N, C-alpha and C. Protein backbone atom coordinates (compact mmCIF):
# COMPACT_ATOMS: atom_id res chain seq x y z
N UNK A 1 51.11 70.76 65.88
CA UNK A 1 50.11 70.04 66.60
C UNK A 1 50.75 68.77 67.13
N UNK A 2 50.80 68.67 68.44
CA UNK A 2 51.44 67.48 68.99
C UNK A 2 50.94 67.19 70.40
N UNK A 3 51.12 65.95 70.74
CA UNK A 3 50.85 65.50 72.09
C UNK A 3 52.19 65.48 72.82
N UNK A 4 52.19 66.01 74.03
CA UNK A 4 53.44 66.09 74.78
C UNK A 4 53.25 65.56 76.19
N UNK A 5 54.34 65.13 76.75
CA UNK A 5 54.38 64.78 78.17
C UNK A 5 55.59 65.48 78.77
N UNK A 6 55.49 65.76 80.04
CA UNK A 6 56.60 66.38 80.76
C UNK A 6 57.13 65.38 81.78
N UNK A 7 58.43 65.49 82.08
CA UNK A 7 59.01 64.53 83.03
C UNK A 7 58.34 64.55 84.40
N UNK A 8 57.81 65.68 84.82
CA UNK A 8 57.22 65.81 86.14
C UNK A 8 55.75 65.41 86.20
N UNK A 9 55.17 65.06 85.04
CA UNK A 9 53.74 64.75 85.00
C UNK A 9 53.49 63.49 84.17
N UNK A 10 52.62 62.60 84.64
CA UNK A 10 52.30 61.40 83.87
C UNK A 10 51.29 61.67 82.74
N UNK A 11 50.70 62.85 82.73
CA UNK A 11 49.66 63.18 81.75
C UNK A 11 50.28 63.67 80.45
N UNK A 12 49.55 63.45 79.39
CA UNK A 12 49.96 64.04 78.12
C UNK A 12 48.95 65.14 77.78
N UNK A 13 49.44 66.14 77.08
CA UNK A 13 48.57 67.26 76.73
C UNK A 13 48.83 67.66 75.28
N UNK A 14 47.83 68.31 74.72
CA UNK A 14 47.85 68.68 73.32
C UNK A 14 48.19 70.15 73.17
N UNK A 15 49.11 70.45 72.23
CA UNK A 15 49.50 71.83 71.94
C UNK A 15 49.39 72.07 70.44
N UNK A 16 49.21 73.33 70.08
CA UNK A 16 49.23 73.77 68.68
C UNK A 16 50.37 74.75 68.52
N UNK A 17 50.95 74.75 67.34
CA UNK A 17 52.00 75.73 67.02
C UNK A 17 51.49 76.59 65.87
N UNK A 18 51.79 77.87 65.97
CA UNK A 18 51.41 78.79 64.90
C UNK A 18 52.46 79.89 64.80
N UNK A 19 52.48 80.55 63.68
CA UNK A 19 53.46 81.61 63.44
C UNK A 19 52.81 82.96 63.72
N UNK A 20 53.49 83.75 64.51
CA UNK A 20 53.06 85.12 64.82
C UNK A 20 54.24 86.04 64.63
N UNK A 21 54.16 86.89 63.64
CA UNK A 21 55.22 87.87 63.41
C UNK A 21 56.59 87.26 63.22
N UNK A 22 56.66 86.14 62.53
CA UNK A 22 57.95 85.51 62.27
C UNK A 22 58.41 84.56 63.36
N UNK A 23 57.67 84.48 64.45
CA UNK A 23 58.03 83.57 65.54
C UNK A 23 57.04 82.42 65.61
N UNK A 24 57.49 81.28 66.10
CA UNK A 24 56.62 80.15 66.34
C UNK A 24 56.12 80.25 67.78
N UNK A 25 54.79 80.25 67.91
CA UNK A 25 54.17 80.35 69.24
C UNK A 25 53.39 79.07 69.48
N UNK A 26 53.62 78.45 70.64
CA UNK A 26 52.89 77.24 70.99
C UNK A 26 51.74 77.59 71.91
N UNK A 27 50.61 76.97 71.61
CA UNK A 27 49.38 77.24 72.37
C UNK A 27 48.96 75.95 73.08
N UNK A 28 48.80 76.02 74.37
CA UNK A 28 48.31 74.88 75.13
C UNK A 28 46.82 74.73 74.87
N UNK A 29 46.39 73.53 74.46
CA UNK A 29 44.98 73.28 74.19
C UNK A 29 44.34 72.56 75.37
N UNK A 30 45.00 71.55 75.88
CA UNK A 30 44.45 70.84 77.03
C UNK A 30 44.81 69.37 77.01
N UNK A 31 44.12 68.63 77.87
CA UNK A 31 44.31 67.18 77.92
C UNK A 31 42.96 66.52 78.12
N UNK A 32 42.90 65.25 77.94
CA UNK A 32 41.66 64.53 78.14
C UNK A 32 40.78 64.53 76.90
N UNK A 33 39.49 64.22 77.08
CA UNK A 33 38.58 64.11 75.93
C UNK A 33 38.47 65.38 75.10
N UNK A 34 38.47 66.54 75.76
CA UNK A 34 38.40 67.80 75.03
C UNK A 34 39.59 67.94 74.09
N UNK A 35 40.77 67.65 74.58
CA UNK A 35 41.98 67.76 73.77
C UNK A 35 41.97 66.74 72.64
N UNK A 36 41.45 65.55 72.92
CA UNK A 36 41.36 64.51 71.87
C UNK A 36 40.46 65.00 70.74
N UNK A 37 39.34 65.62 71.08
CA UNK A 37 38.44 66.15 70.06
C UNK A 37 39.11 67.27 69.26
N UNK A 38 39.81 68.14 69.94
CA UNK A 38 40.50 69.23 69.26
C UNK A 38 41.60 68.69 68.33
N UNK A 39 42.31 67.67 68.78
CA UNK A 39 43.36 67.07 67.96
C UNK A 39 42.75 66.45 66.71
N UNK A 40 41.62 65.77 66.86
CA UNK A 40 40.95 65.16 65.71
C UNK A 40 40.44 66.24 64.75
N UNK A 41 39.89 67.32 65.29
CA UNK A 41 39.43 68.43 64.44
C UNK A 41 40.60 69.03 63.67
N UNK A 42 41.74 69.20 64.32
CA UNK A 42 42.93 69.73 63.64
C UNK A 42 43.41 68.77 62.56
N UNK A 43 43.37 67.47 62.85
CA UNK A 43 43.80 66.48 61.86
C UNK A 43 42.90 66.54 60.63
N UNK A 44 41.59 66.65 60.85
CA UNK A 44 40.64 66.74 59.73
C UNK A 44 40.88 68.01 58.93
N UNK A 45 41.13 69.12 59.62
CA UNK A 45 41.39 70.39 58.93
C UNK A 45 42.67 70.30 58.09
N UNK A 46 43.74 69.68 58.64
CA UNK A 46 44.98 69.52 57.88
C UNK A 46 44.77 68.65 56.65
N UNK A 47 43.99 67.58 56.83
CA UNK A 47 43.69 66.69 55.70
C UNK A 47 42.93 67.44 54.61
N UNK A 48 41.97 68.26 55.01
CA UNK A 48 41.19 69.03 54.04
C UNK A 48 42.07 70.02 53.29
N UNK A 49 42.96 70.69 54.00
CA UNK A 49 43.87 71.64 53.36
C UNK A 49 44.76 70.91 52.36
N UNK A 50 45.27 69.75 52.73
CA UNK A 50 46.12 68.97 51.83
C UNK A 50 45.34 68.52 50.60
N UNK A 51 44.10 68.07 50.78
CA UNK A 51 43.28 67.65 49.64
C UNK A 51 42.98 68.84 48.73
N UNK A 52 42.70 70.01 49.32
CA UNK A 52 42.44 71.21 48.53
C UNK A 52 43.67 71.59 47.70
N UNK A 53 44.86 71.50 48.30
CA UNK A 53 46.09 71.81 47.57
C UNK A 53 46.30 70.85 46.41
N UNK A 54 46.06 69.57 46.65
CA UNK A 54 46.22 68.58 45.60
C UNK A 54 45.22 68.83 44.47
N UNK A 55 44.00 69.20 44.82
CA UNK A 55 42.98 69.50 43.81
C UNK A 55 43.39 70.72 42.99
N UNK A 56 43.89 71.76 43.64
CA UNK A 56 44.34 72.97 42.94
C UNK A 56 45.50 72.64 41.99
N UNK A 57 46.45 71.82 42.46
CA UNK A 57 47.58 71.43 41.62
C UNK A 57 47.08 70.66 40.40
N UNK A 58 46.17 69.76 40.61
CA UNK A 58 45.60 68.97 39.52
C UNK A 58 44.89 69.88 38.52
N UNK A 59 44.12 70.84 39.02
CA UNK A 59 43.42 71.77 38.13
C UNK A 59 44.39 72.62 37.34
N UNK A 60 45.48 73.07 37.98
CA UNK A 60 46.49 73.86 37.26
C UNK A 60 47.14 73.04 36.15
N UNK A 61 47.42 71.76 36.43
CA UNK A 61 48.00 70.90 35.41
C UNK A 61 47.04 70.70 34.25
N UNK A 62 45.75 70.50 34.55
CA UNK A 62 44.76 70.33 33.49
C UNK A 62 44.63 71.61 32.66
N UNK A 63 44.64 72.77 33.32
CA UNK A 63 44.55 74.04 32.60
C UNK A 63 45.76 74.24 31.70
N UNK A 64 46.95 73.88 32.19
CA UNK A 64 48.16 74.03 31.38
C UNK A 64 48.11 73.12 30.16
N UNK A 65 47.62 71.89 30.35
CA UNK A 65 47.50 70.97 29.22
C UNK A 65 46.49 71.49 28.21
N UNK A 66 45.37 72.01 28.69
CA UNK A 66 44.35 72.56 27.79
C UNK A 66 44.89 73.78 27.05
N UNK A 67 45.60 74.64 27.74
CA UNK A 67 46.17 75.82 27.10
C UNK A 67 47.17 75.43 26.01
N UNK A 68 47.95 74.38 26.27
CA UNK A 68 48.90 73.91 25.25
C UNK A 68 48.16 73.40 24.02
N UNK A 69 47.05 72.69 24.23
CA UNK A 69 46.28 72.18 23.09
C UNK A 69 45.65 73.33 22.31
N UNK A 70 45.15 74.34 23.02
CA UNK A 70 44.54 75.50 22.35
C UNK A 70 45.60 76.27 21.55
N UNK A 71 46.77 76.44 22.12
CA UNK A 71 47.86 77.13 21.42
C UNK A 71 48.26 76.37 20.16
N UNK A 72 48.32 75.03 20.27
CA UNK A 72 48.65 74.22 19.09
C UNK A 72 47.56 74.33 18.02
N UNK A 73 46.30 74.28 18.44
CA UNK A 73 45.20 74.39 17.48
C UNK A 73 45.20 75.76 16.82
N UNK A 74 45.55 76.80 17.57
CA UNK A 74 45.62 78.15 17.02
C UNK A 74 46.71 78.23 15.95
N UNK A 75 47.85 77.61 16.22
CA UNK A 75 48.95 77.62 15.26
C UNK A 75 48.56 76.86 14.00
N UNK A 76 47.87 75.73 14.16
CA UNK A 76 47.42 74.97 13.00
C UNK A 76 46.41 75.79 12.20
N UNK A 77 45.49 76.47 12.88
CA UNK A 77 44.51 77.31 12.19
C UNK A 77 45.17 78.43 11.42
N UNK A 78 46.18 79.07 12.02
CA UNK A 78 46.92 80.13 11.32
C UNK A 78 47.60 79.58 10.07
N UNK A 79 48.20 78.40 10.19
CA UNK A 79 48.88 77.79 9.05
C UNK A 79 47.89 77.46 7.94
N UNK A 80 46.74 76.89 8.30
CA UNK A 80 45.73 76.56 7.29
C UNK A 80 45.21 77.83 6.60
N UNK A 81 44.99 78.88 7.37
CA UNK A 81 44.52 80.14 6.78
C UNK A 81 45.56 80.70 5.82
N UNK A 82 46.82 80.62 6.21
CA UNK A 82 47.89 81.13 5.34
C UNK A 82 47.96 80.33 4.04
N UNK A 83 47.87 79.00 4.15
CA UNK A 83 47.89 78.15 2.95
C UNK A 83 46.72 78.50 2.04
N UNK A 84 45.53 78.65 2.63
CA UNK A 84 44.34 78.96 1.82
C UNK A 84 44.49 80.31 1.13
N UNK A 85 45.01 81.30 1.83
CA UNK A 85 45.18 82.63 1.23
C UNK A 85 46.22 82.61 0.12
N UNK A 86 47.33 81.92 0.35
CA UNK A 86 48.36 81.82 -0.69
C UNK A 86 47.83 81.07 -1.91
N UNK A 87 47.03 80.03 -1.66
CA UNK A 87 46.48 79.24 -2.77
C UNK A 87 45.49 80.05 -3.60
N UNK A 88 44.86 81.04 -3.02
CA UNK A 88 43.88 81.86 -3.75
C UNK A 88 44.50 83.14 -4.30
N UNK A 89 45.84 83.22 -4.25
CA UNK A 89 46.51 84.34 -4.89
C UNK A 89 46.70 85.57 -4.01
N UNK A 90 46.67 85.43 -2.72
CA UNK A 90 46.89 86.56 -1.82
C UNK A 90 48.35 86.62 -1.38
N UNK A 91 48.75 87.76 -0.85
CA UNK A 91 50.09 87.92 -0.28
C UNK A 91 50.01 88.86 0.93
N UNK A 92 51.05 88.82 1.74
CA UNK A 92 51.10 89.72 2.91
C UNK A 92 51.69 91.04 2.45
N UNK A 93 50.97 92.10 2.62
CA UNK A 93 51.41 93.42 2.21
C UNK A 93 52.34 93.98 3.28
N UNK A 94 53.64 94.00 3.00
CA UNK A 94 54.66 94.50 3.93
C UNK A 94 54.52 93.84 5.31
N UNK A 95 54.25 92.56 5.32
CA UNK A 95 54.16 91.83 6.58
C UNK A 95 52.91 92.13 7.38
N UNK A 96 51.97 92.83 6.79
CA UNK A 96 50.76 93.22 7.51
C UNK A 96 49.54 92.46 7.03
N UNK A 97 48.61 93.19 6.43
CA UNK A 97 47.35 92.57 6.02
C UNK A 97 47.52 91.77 4.73
N UNK A 98 46.60 90.83 4.56
CA UNK A 98 46.60 90.01 3.35
C UNK A 98 45.89 90.78 2.23
N UNK A 99 46.48 90.75 1.04
CA UNK A 99 45.88 91.40 -0.13
C UNK A 99 45.94 90.45 -1.32
N UNK A 100 44.95 90.60 -2.18
CA UNK A 100 44.92 89.78 -3.39
C UNK A 100 45.93 90.36 -4.39
N UNK A 101 46.65 89.46 -5.02
CA UNK A 101 47.64 89.91 -6.02
C UNK A 101 46.92 90.45 -7.25
N UNK A 102 47.53 91.45 -7.87
CA UNK A 102 47.01 91.97 -9.13
C UNK A 102 47.30 90.94 -10.23
N UNK A 103 46.54 91.01 -11.28
CA UNK A 103 46.69 90.04 -12.38
C UNK A 103 48.06 90.15 -13.05
N UNK A 104 48.63 91.35 -13.12
CA UNK A 104 49.91 91.51 -13.80
C UNK A 104 51.12 91.39 -12.87
N UNK A 105 50.91 91.10 -11.61
CA UNK A 105 51.97 91.05 -10.61
C UNK A 105 52.59 89.64 -10.60
N UNK A 106 53.90 89.53 -10.68
CA UNK A 106 54.57 88.24 -10.69
C UNK A 106 54.65 87.66 -9.28
N UNK A 107 54.61 86.35 -9.20
CA UNK A 107 54.73 85.64 -7.91
C UNK A 107 56.20 85.39 -7.64
N UNK A 108 56.72 85.77 -6.47
CA UNK A 108 58.16 85.59 -6.18
C UNK A 108 58.54 84.13 -6.02
C-alpha cells in the first residue's frame, strides 16, 4: 500500500500490492478523495490485523504460563499422593498399581 508519483505526472495515486500465485501484483486504486479514503481504510485494517496478532500472541503466552502451573501442580499432587500411600503402608506392585503391604512383608 503506497502513494506514488510518476515523473510525467504531478499527481500522486494510491496502489495496493498483493500476492497471487507466488507473484506480487500491484493494483491501481486511484487518486484524490476516493483514494485517500481507501488508504485510510487499508491503514485501519492493517492496524486491526496487527492488534489481533498481538492479542493472539499474548493469549498464547498466558496459556503456556497456565499450562506450566497446572503441570507443576499435577507433579506436586502426584508426589503428595505417593507420600501418603507410602506412609500408610502401600507399595507399587511391579511399577503399576498401589497395593497395601501384607503384615508379614518386610519394607525394603
